[in-house]
Structure formats: C-alpha cells, structure tokens
C-alpha cells in the first residue's frame, strides 16, 4: 500500500508571502491541500492513454502520490509545461511586441539577437545570468538607487512607461497592479496574452531552479516569492 505525504494549509498567511494571500483565501480553506502543479510518473495504470512509466503534468496539489482518471493529466512531452516561463518571454517579445532590429527592449522580472535588451532582475546572480544570455544591459532593481523606492512601492511601471517612445508596445502576461495615464498620452499598444496560444511550438533555452526534498516545499515556495530562484522553481521529491 502506498502512503502519500501531503502539505495541508493549517492557517492562512498573515503578512509574508503577501502577494499570495488573496489567491489562497479565495481558492483554499484551512484544512485543504496546498494547490500546485507537478511533473509526475505514472506508477500503475488502467488507462491506455497514460500507461505505467508515462511522465505527465498534473495539478493535484502538494502531494507525493495521487489517483486520477486521466482527465486532468497531460503528457509532459506534449505540454512543455515546465518550460512555459521561457515560452512566455519568447512569444511575448517576438509575437506580441513584434520587436525589430535596432529597437530597445525593457524586460521587467527577467531571469536577443538583433535588438538591444535591457533586463531588470532581482539579484546579482540573475544579472550575471542575463548577461550570459546576451543582454546588452542588466541591473538589479533591488539595489539600483534610482529605482529602489519605486520598486518597494510596487510602482516600477511608473519609471519605465514615461520613457517609452510614442506608439511603443507593451506585452503583459499575468496581473498588472496599477495603470498609468502615460499609456494613453503616449498612445501605447498594450496587449495581454496567455502562453498556451503557442503551446508545442519550437525549442526554448530555459533554466530551472531545482530544490531537493518534498519536505522543503514551504521553503521553496517562500523563496520563490522573494525571488531567490534563478529560473522556474521546481521541487524534486
């Protein structure tokens, strides 16, 4: 008999990690299993679509084992789920923003041939990684004095947007906390997108931040929200 280990939400967060409190409050009750996505291997199966040994992507929560009828599973090779971070940046830059040779691009929370790229990252290690990838300029937005107070107040866009040329483009994946009147005055093109639009296309260079041990799930989660990770955070059970 298999005994599954799981992480249960005993009490909602008070304070850090603040950015996750609203989501958890809406989706989870105290006593529920923590939500999360995982890459897993099928141990035993009666489903011909997912025979034993198949590597799949699922969202059972923070648990080592689960039972599924297959409806909530997707082949890892077909989904490319673990690489969505790279795909988001790639298609957001090339398809949504449609950058051209000679243009300057600012990437916030970054982790290009033919265009100048300015990357903002949350640690010196990440800045080094960006430069290794070929960024023309990269800086740590947590230590740059001119951006420090703005970043702390969550208004980083107020620094960047006023400097964008007229008819410039902005691509957004995720949530934006505030909107700035300069979007109107500068007549900018802003388009939100979900990366699933390009599911299964091409190969992207990506980086994974792997933490060993299922017992380290909470620490990995907290570290991810603080920006400790370089690339996509993955806990290897």
C-alpha atoms as a PDB file:
ATOM      1  CA  UNK A   1       0.000   0.000   0.000  1.00  0.00           C
ATOM      2  CA  UNK A   2       1.247   3.478  -0.909  1.00  0.00           C
ATOM      3  CA  UNK A   3       1.130   6.178   1.749  1.00  0.00           C
ATOM      4  CA  UNK A   4       1.086   9.675   0.250  1.00  0.00           C
ATOM      5  CA  UNK A   5       2.608  12.653   2.014  1.00  0.00           C
ATOM      6  CA  UNK A   6       0.835  15.991   1.527  1.00  0.00           C
ATOM      7  CA  UNK A   7       1.105  19.593   2.685  1.00  0.00           C
ATOM      8  CA  UNK A   8      -2.105  20.984   4.206  1.00  0.00           C
ATOM      9  CA  UNK A   9      -2.961  24.652   4.737  1.00  0.00           C
ATOM     10  CA  UNK A  10      -3.302  24.883   8.507  1.00  0.00           C
ATOM     11  CA  UNK A  11      -3.826  28.634   8.642  1.00  0.00           C
ATOM     12  CA  UNK A  12      -3.904  31.423   6.064  1.00  0.00           C
ATOM     13  CA  UNK A  13      -0.802  33.589   5.829  1.00  0.00           C
ATOM     14  CA  UNK A  14      -0.529  36.736   7.874  1.00  0.00           C
ATOM     15  CA  UNK A  15       1.985  39.056   6.254  1.00  0.00           C
ATOM     16  CA  UNK A  16       4.604  37.420   4.008  1.00  0.00           C
ATOM     17  CA  UNK A  17       4.011  35.978   1.461  1.00  0.00           C
ATOM     18  CA  UNK A  18       1.575  38.864   0.952  1.00  0.00           C
ATOM     19  CA  UNK A  19       1.202  38.586  -2.814  1.00  0.00           C
ATOM     20  CA  UNK A  20      -0.260  35.101  -2.445  1.00  0.00           C
ATOM     21  CA  UNK A  21      -2.753  35.759   0.365  1.00  0.00           C
ATOM     22  CA  UNK A  22      -5.677  36.828  -1.844  1.00  0.00           C
ATOM     23  CA  UNK A  23      -5.361  33.823  -4.136  1.00  0.00           C
ATOM     24  CA  UNK A  24      -5.177  31.348  -1.274  1.00  0.00           C
ATOM     25  CA  UNK A  25      -8.066  32.945   0.585  1.00  0.00           C
ATOM     26  CA  UNK A  26     -10.313  32.645  -2.460  1.00  0.00           C
ATOM     27  CA  UNK A  27      -9.324  29.132  -3.525  1.00  0.00           C
ATOM     28  CA  UNK A  28      -8.387  27.359  -0.299  1.00  0.00           C
ATOM     29  CA  UNK A  29      -9.941  26.838   3.078  1.00  0.00           C
ATOM     30  CA  UNK A  30      -7.965  25.975   6.160  1.00  0.00           C
ATOM     31  CA  UNK A  31      -7.526  22.216   6.106  1.00  0.00           C
ATOM     32  CA  UNK A  32      -7.331  21.972   2.287  1.00  0.00           C
ATOM     33  CA  UNK A  33      -4.272  20.650   0.478  1.00  0.00           C
ATOM     34  CA  UNK A  34      -1.953  23.337  -0.889  1.00  0.00           C
ATOM     35  CA  UNK A  35      -2.517  23.987  -4.598  1.00  0.00           C
ATOM     36  CA  UNK A  36       0.265  23.334  -7.070  1.00  0.00           C
ATOM     37  CA  UNK A  37       1.330  21.764 -10.335  1.00  0.00           C
ATOM     38  CA  UNK A  38       3.728  18.864 -10.652  1.00  0.00           C
ATOM     39  CA  UNK A  39       5.540  16.681 -13.140  1.00  0.00           C
ATOM     40  CA  UNK A  40       4.990  13.041 -12.174  1.00  0.00           C
ATOM     41  CA  UNK A  41       5.493   9.488 -13.417  1.00  0.00           C
ATOM     42  CA  UNK A  42       2.560   7.080 -13.716  1.00  0.00           C
ATOM     43  CA  UNK A  43       3.207   4.181 -11.337  1.00  0.00           C
ATOM     44  CA  UNK A  44       0.213   1.986 -12.172  1.00  0.00           C
ATOM     45  CA  UNK A  45      -2.428   2.453 -14.860  1.00  0.00           C
ATOM     46  CA  UNK A  46      -5.592   1.064 -16.418  1.00  0.00           C
ATOM     47  CA  UNK A  47      -5.709   3.954 -18.901  1.00  0.00           C
ATOM     48  CA  UNK A  48      -4.190   3.177 -22.305  1.00  0.00           C
ATOM     49  CA  UNK A  49      -3.543   6.883 -22.911  1.00  0.00           C
ATOM     50  CA  UNK A  50      -1.242   7.013 -19.879  1.00  0.00           C
ATOM     51  CA  UNK A  51       0.482   3.644 -19.393  1.00  0.00           C
ATOM     52  CA  UNK A  52       2.793   2.997 -16.461  1.00  0.00           C
ATOM     53  CA  UNK A  53       6.028   4.941 -16.837  1.00  0.00           C
ATOM     54  CA  UNK A  54       4.456   7.891 -18.654  1.00  0.00           C
ATOM     55  CA  UNK A  55       5.680  11.293 -17.475  1.00  0.00           C
ATOM     56  CA  UNK A  56       2.721  13.644 -17.045  1.00  0.00           C
ATOM     57  CA  UNK A  57       1.828  17.124 -15.855  1.00  0.00           C
ATOM     58  CA  UNK A  58      -0.942  17.364 -13.282  1.00  0.00           C
ATOM     59  CA  UNK A  59      -2.284  19.753 -10.642  1.00  0.00           C
ATOM     60  CA  UNK A  60      -3.121  17.547  -7.653  1.00  0.00           C
ATOM     61  CA  UNK A  61      -1.548  19.921  -5.133  1.00  0.00           C
ATOM     62  CA  UNK A  62       1.402  19.461  -2.809  1.00  0.00           C
ATOM     63  CA  UNK A  63       1.363  15.673  -2.574  1.00  0.00           C
ATOM     64  CA  UNK A  64       3.706  12.824  -3.418  1.00  0.00           C
ATOM     65  CA  UNK A  65       1.042  10.490  -4.848  1.00  0.00           C
ATOM     66  CA  UNK A  66      -2.469  10.882  -6.242  1.00  0.00           C
ATOM     67  CA  UNK A  67      -5.165   8.911  -8.096  1.00  0.00           C
ATOM     68  CA  UNK A  68      -6.505  10.206 -11.423  1.00  0.00           C
ATOM     69  CA  UNK A  69      -8.920   9.066 -14.111  1.00  0.00           C
ATOM     70  CA  UNK A  70      -6.686  10.736 -16.705  1.00  0.00           C
ATOM     71  CA  UNK A  71      -8.917  13.716 -17.435  1.00  0.00           C
ATOM     72  CA  UNK A  72      -6.666  16.101 -15.538  1.00  0.00           C
ATOM     73  CA  UNK A  73      -3.414  14.702 -16.937  1.00  0.00           C
ATOM     74  CA  UNK A  74      -1.332  15.797 -19.886  1.00  0.00           C
ATOM     75  CA  UNK A  75       1.744  14.216 -21.389  1.00  0.00           C
ATOM     76  CA  UNK A  76       4.822  16.177 -20.305  1.00  0.00           C
ATOM     77  CA  UNK A  77       6.357  15.861 -23.773  1.00  0.00           C
ATOM     78  CA  UNK A  78       3.245  17.341 -25.400  1.00  0.00           C
ATOM     79  CA  UNK A  79       2.597  20.124 -22.920  1.00  0.00           C
ATOM     80  CA  UNK A  80       6.064  21.546 -22.336  1.00  0.00           C
ATOM     81  CA  UNK A  81       4.651  22.803 -19.037  1.00  0.00           C
ATOM     82  CA  UNK A  82       7.985  23.116 -17.258  1.00  0.00           C
ATOM     83  CA  UNK A  83       9.253  25.452 -19.982  1.00  0.00           C
ATOM     84  CA  UNK A  84       6.374  27.958 -20.019  1.00  0.00           C
ATOM     85  CA  UNK A  85       8.500  30.633 -18.395  1.00  0.00           C
ATOM     86  CA  UNK A  86      10.814  30.703 -21.399  1.00  0.00           C
ATOM     87  CA  UNK A  87       7.937  30.461 -23.856  1.00  0.00           C
ATOM     88  CA  UNK A  88       6.168  33.389 -22.203  1.00  0.00           C
ATOM     89  CA  UNK A  89       9.208  35.627 -22.639  1.00  0.00           C
ATOM     90  CA  UNK A  90       9.927  34.406 -26.163  1.00  0.00           C
ATOM     91  CA  UNK A  91       6.469  34.878 -27.651  1.00  0.00           C
ATOM     92  CA  UNK A  92       5.683  37.968 -25.591  1.00  0.00           C
ATOM     93  CA  UNK A  93       8.772  39.610 -27.057  1.00  0.00           C
ATOM     94  CA  UNK A  94       8.648  38.391 -30.660  1.00  0.00           C
ATOM     95  CA  UNK A  95       4.938  37.887 -31.376  1.00  0.00           C
ATOM     96  CA  UNK A  96       3.180  40.368 -29.093  1.00  0.00           C
ATOM     97  CA  UNK A  97       5.725  43.210 -29.097  1.00  0.00           C
ATOM     98  CA  UNK A  98       6.979  42.343 -32.590  1.00  0.00           C
ATOM     99  CA  UNK A  99      10.422  43.865 -31.960  1.00  0.00           C
ATOM    100  CA  UNK A 100      12.533  44.988 -34.893  1.00  0.00           C
ATOM    101  CA  UNK A 101      16.272  45.298 -35.387  1.00  0.00           C
ATOM    102  CA  UNK A 102      17.623  48.420 -33.693  1.00  0.00           C
ATOM    103  CA  UNK A 103      14.832  48.749 -31.133  1.00  0.00           C
ATOM    104  CA  UNK A 104      15.460  48.822 -27.379  1.00  0.00           C
ATOM    105  CA  UNK A 105      13.530  46.405 -25.200  1.00  0.00           C
ATOM    106  CA  UNK A 106      12.978  46.534 -21.436  1.00  0.00           C
ATOM    107  CA  UNK A 107      12.168  43.247 -19.716  1.00  0.00           C
ATOM    108  CA  UNK A 108      10.932  43.508 -16.136  1.00  0.00           C
ATOM    109  CA  UNK A 109      11.396  40.496 -13.813  1.00  0.00           C
ATOM    110  CA  UNK A 110      13.723  38.940 -16.405  1.00  0.00           C
ATOM    111  CA  UNK A 111      15.683  35.871 -15.495  1.00  0.00           C
ATOM    112  CA  UNK A 112      18.204  38.936 -28.470  1.00  0.00           C
ATOM    113  CA  UNK A 113      19.765  38.804 -31.289  1.00  0.00           C
ATOM    114  CA  UNK A 114      19.009  41.794 -33.459  1.00  0.00           C
ATOM    115  CA  UNK A 115      17.786  44.152 -30.741  1.00  0.00           C
ATOM    116  CA  UNK A 116      19.099  45.917 -27.658  1.00  0.00           C
ATOM    117  CA  UNK A 117      17.779  44.354 -24.468  1.00  0.00           C
ATOM    118  CA  UNK A 118      17.681  45.902 -21.006  1.00  0.00           C
ATOM    119  CA  UNK A 119      16.913  43.381 -18.273  1.00  0.00           C
ATOM    120  CA  UNK A 120      15.756  44.017 -14.710  1.00  0.00           C
ATOM    121  CA  UNK A 121      16.405  41.193 -12.274  1.00  0.00           C
ATOM    122  CA  UNK A 122      16.121  40.741  -8.526  1.00  0.00           C
ATOM    123  CA  UNK A 123      19.650  39.581  -7.650  1.00  0.00           C
ATOM    124  CA  UNK A 124      23.249  39.955  -8.792  1.00  0.00           C
ATOM    125  CA  UNK A 125      23.289  36.250  -9.689  1.00  0.00           C
ATOM    126  CA  UNK A 126      20.350  36.771 -12.022  1.00  0.00           C
ATOM    127  CA  UNK A 127      22.019  39.816 -13.548  1.00  0.00           C
ATOM    128  CA  UNK A 128      25.048  37.662 -14.321  1.00  0.00           C
ATOM    129  CA  UNK A 129      22.820  35.062 -15.935  1.00  0.00           C
ATOM    130  CA  UNK A 130      21.120  37.692 -18.104  1.00  0.00           C
ATOM    131  CA  UNK A 131      24.470  38.995 -19.314  1.00  0.00           C
ATOM    132  CA  UNK A 132      25.492  35.420 -20.108  1.00  0.00           C
ATOM    133  CA  UNK A 133      22.376  35.126 -22.262  1.00  0.00           C
ATOM    134  CA  UNK A 134      23.420  38.206 -24.226  1.00  0.00           C
ATOM    135  CA  UNK A 135      21.572  41.124 -22.614  1.00  0.00           C
ATOM    136  CA  UNK A 136      23.246  44.404 -23.552  1.00  0.00           C
ATOM    137  CA  UNK A 137      22.400  45.886 -20.146  1.00  0.00           C
ATOM    138  CA  UNK A 138      21.164  44.180 -16.988  1.00  0.00           C
ATOM    139  CA  UNK A 139      20.706  45.550 -13.484  1.00  0.00           C
ATOM    140  CA  UNK A 140      19.468  44.519 -10.069  1.00  0.00           C
ATOM    141  CA  UNK A 141      16.306  46.532  -9.479  1.00  0.00           C
ATOM    142  CA  UNK A 142      16.574  45.845  -5.742  1.00  0.00           C
ATOM    143  CA  UNK A 143      19.880  47.706  -5.414  1.00  0.00           C
ATOM    144  CA  UNK A 144      19.732  50.424  -8.088  1.00  0.00           C
ATOM    145  CA  UNK A 145      19.246  53.618  -6.097  1.00  0.00           C
ATOM    146  CA  UNK A 146      17.078  55.429  -8.637  1.00  0.00           C
ATOM    147  CA  UNK A 147      14.570  52.554  -8.676  1.00  0.00           C
ATOM    148  CA  UNK A 148      14.717  51.403  -5.077  1.00  0.00           C
ATOM    149  CA  UNK A 149      11.813  53.377  -3.623  1.00  0.00           C
ATOM    150  CA  UNK A 150       9.692  52.867  -6.716  1.00  0.00           C
ATOM    151  CA  UNK A 151      10.182  49.113  -6.599  1.00  0.00           C
ATOM    152  CA  UNK A 152       9.367  48.950  -2.905  1.00  0.00           C
ATOM    153  CA  UNK A 153       6.061  50.715  -3.516  1.00  0.00           C
ATOM    154  CA  UNK A 154       5.160  48.408  -6.380  1.00  0.00           C
ATOM    155  CA  UNK A 155       5.173  51.173  -8.989  1.00  0.00           C
ATOM    156  CA  UNK A 156       8.039  50.041 -11.175  1.00  0.00           C
ATOM    157  CA  UNK A 157       5.969  50.727 -14.316  1.00  0.00           C
ATOM    158  CA  UNK A 158       5.790  54.412 -13.430  1.00  0.00           C
ATOM    159  CA  UNK A 159       9.547  54.653 -14.082  1.00  0.00           C
ATOM    160  CA  UNK A 160       9.568  52.743 -17.361  1.00  0.00           C
ATOM    161  CA  UNK A 161       6.357  53.819 -19.098  1.00  0.00           C
ATOM    162  CA  UNK A 162       7.096  57.587 -19.237  1.00  0.00           C
ATOM    163  CA  UNK A 163      10.342  56.769 -21.092  1.00  0.00           C
ATOM    164  CA  UNK A 164       8.707  54.691 -23.821  1.00  0.00           C
ATOM    165  CA  UNK A 165       8.512  56.328 -27.239  1.00  0.00           C
ATOM    166  CA  UNK A 166       5.148  57.147 -28.749  1.00  0.00           C
ATOM    167  CA  UNK A 167       3.335  54.162 -30.228  1.00  0.00           C
ATOM    168  CA  UNK A 168       5.589  51.838 -28.265  1.00  0.00           C
ATOM    169  CA  UNK A 169       4.370  48.370 -27.369  1.00  0.00           C
ATOM    170  CA  UNK A 170       3.918  46.576 -24.055  1.00  0.00           C
ATOM    171  CA  UNK A 171       3.135  42.893 -23.570  1.00  0.00           C
ATOM    172  CA  UNK A 172       1.754  41.696 -20.257  1.00  0.00           C
ATOM    173  CA  UNK A 173       1.394  38.146 -19.006  1.00  0.00           C
ATOM    174  CA  UNK A 174      -0.077  37.916 -15.518  1.00  0.00           C
ATOM    175  CA  UNK A 175      -1.600  40.714 -13.444  1.00  0.00           C
ATOM    176  CA  UNK A 176      -0.831  44.410 -13.501  1.00  0.00           C
ATOM    177  CA  UNK A 177      -1.305  46.217 -10.207  1.00  0.00           C
ATOM    178  CA  UNK A 178      -1.729  49.748 -11.485  1.00  0.00           C
ATOM    179  CA  UNK A 179      -2.317  51.524 -14.773  1.00  0.00           C
ATOM    180  CA  UNK A 180      -0.553  54.726 -15.672  1.00  0.00           C
ATOM    181  CA  UNK A 181      -2.027  57.670 -17.571  1.00  0.00           C
ATOM    182  CA  UNK A 182       1.057  57.695 -19.799  1.00  0.00           C
ATOM    183  CA  UNK A 183      -0.354  54.635 -21.586  1.00  0.00           C
ATOM    184  CA  UNK A 184      -2.986  56.967 -23.016  1.00  0.00           C
ATOM    185  CA  UNK A 185      -0.838  60.048 -23.586  1.00  0.00           C
ATOM    186  CA  UNK A 186       1.939  58.063 -25.243  1.00  0.00           C
ATOM    187  CA  UNK A 187      -0.621  56.154 -27.357  1.00  0.00           C
ATOM    188  CA  UNK A 188       0.964  52.826 -26.457  1.00  0.00           C
ATOM    189  CA  UNK A 189      -0.170  49.411 -27.619  1.00  0.00           C
ATOM    190  CA  UNK A 190      -0.701  47.136 -24.629  1.00  0.00           C
ATOM    191  CA  UNK A 191      -1.768  43.534 -25.141  1.00  0.00           C
ATOM    192  CA  UNK A 192      -2.289  40.816 -22.561  1.00  0.00           C
ATOM    193  CA  UNK A 193      -1.675  37.216 -23.538  1.00  0.00           C
ATOM    194  CA  UNK A 194      -1.624  33.638 -22.297  1.00  0.00           C
ATOM    195  CA  UNK A 195       1.293  31.498 -23.425  1.00  0.00           C
ATOM    196  CA  UNK A 196      -0.912  28.488 -24.186  1.00  0.00           C
ATOM    197  CA  UNK A 197      -1.564  30.181 -27.532  1.00  0.00           C
ATOM    198  CA  UNK A 198       1.824  28.875 -28.714  1.00  0.00           C
ATOM    199  CA  UNK A 199       1.740  25.519 -26.961  1.00  0.00           C
ATOM    200  CA  UNK A 200       4.047  22.972 -28.558  1.00  0.00           C
ATOM    201  CA  UNK A 201       5.974  25.365 -30.807  1.00  0.00           C
ATOM    202  CA  UNK A 202       9.776  25.214 -31.171  1.00  0.00           C
ATOM    203  CA  UNK A 203      12.561  24.867 -28.613  1.00  0.00           C
ATOM    204  CA  UNK A 204      13.425  27.463 -25.988  1.00  0.00           C
ATOM    205  CA  UNK A 205      16.530  27.801 -23.833  1.00  0.00           C
ATOM    206  CA  UNK A 206      15.389  27.710 -20.230  1.00  0.00           C
ATOM    207  CA  UNK A 207      16.750  27.459 -16.691  1.00  0.00           C
ATOM    208  CA  UNK A 208      15.332  25.511 -13.760  1.00  0.00           C
ATOM    209  CA  UNK A 209      15.896  26.209 -10.059  1.00  0.00           C
ATOM    210  CA  UNK A 210      15.693  22.748  -8.501  1.00  0.00           C
ATOM    211  CA  UNK A 211      15.313  22.139  -4.773  1.00  0.00           C
ATOM    212  CA  UNK A 212      15.653  18.577  -3.478  1.00  0.00           C
ATOM    213  CA  UNK A 213      13.185  17.137  -0.963  1.00  0.00           C
ATOM    214  CA  UNK A 214       9.394  17.203  -0.598  1.00  0.00           C
ATOM    215  CA  UNK A 215       9.885  18.451   2.957  1.00  0.00           C
ATOM    216  CA  UNK A 216      11.342  21.663   1.517  1.00  0.00           C
ATOM    217  CA  UNK A 217       8.155  22.674  -0.332  1.00  0.00           C
ATOM    218  CA  UNK A 218       7.294  25.583   2.030  1.00  0.00           C
ATOM    219  CA  UNK A 219      10.843  26.951   1.950  1.00  0.00           C
ATOM    220  CA  UNK A 220      10.919  26.713  -1.853  1.00  0.00           C
ATOM    221  CA  UNK A 221       7.556  28.463  -2.053  1.00  0.00           C
ATOM    222  CA  UNK A 222       8.651  31.328   0.210  1.00  0.00           C
ATOM    223  CA  UNK A 223      11.953  31.646  -1.633  1.00  0.00           C
ATOM    224  CA  UNK A 224      10.190  31.818  -4.994  1.00  0.00           C
ATOM    225  CA  UNK A 225       8.024  34.707  -3.825  1.00  0.00           C
ATOM    226  CA  UNK A 226      11.122  36.520  -2.526  1.00  0.00           C
ATOM    227  CA  UNK A 227      12.945  35.995  -5.815  1.00  0.00           C
ATOM    228  CA  UNK A 228      15.570  33.540  -4.580  1.00  0.00           C
ATOM    229  CA  UNK A 229      15.080  31.368  -7.646  1.00  0.00           C
ATOM    230  CA  UNK A 230      17.036  31.658 -10.887  1.00  0.00           C
ATOM    231  CA  UNK A 231      14.568  30.330 -13.457  1.00  0.00           C
ATOM    232  CA  UNK A 232      11.485  28.225 -12.708  1.00  0.00           C
ATOM    233  CA  UNK A 233      11.315  26.839  -9.182  1.00  0.00           C
ATOM    234  CA  UNK A 234      10.938  23.058  -9.097  1.00  0.00           C
ATOM    235  CA  UNK A 235      10.875  20.850  -6.006  1.00  0.00           C
ATOM    236  CA  UNK A 236      12.184  17.358  -6.706  1.00  0.00           C
ATOM    237  CA  UNK A 237      10.519  14.896  -4.336  1.00  0.00           C
END
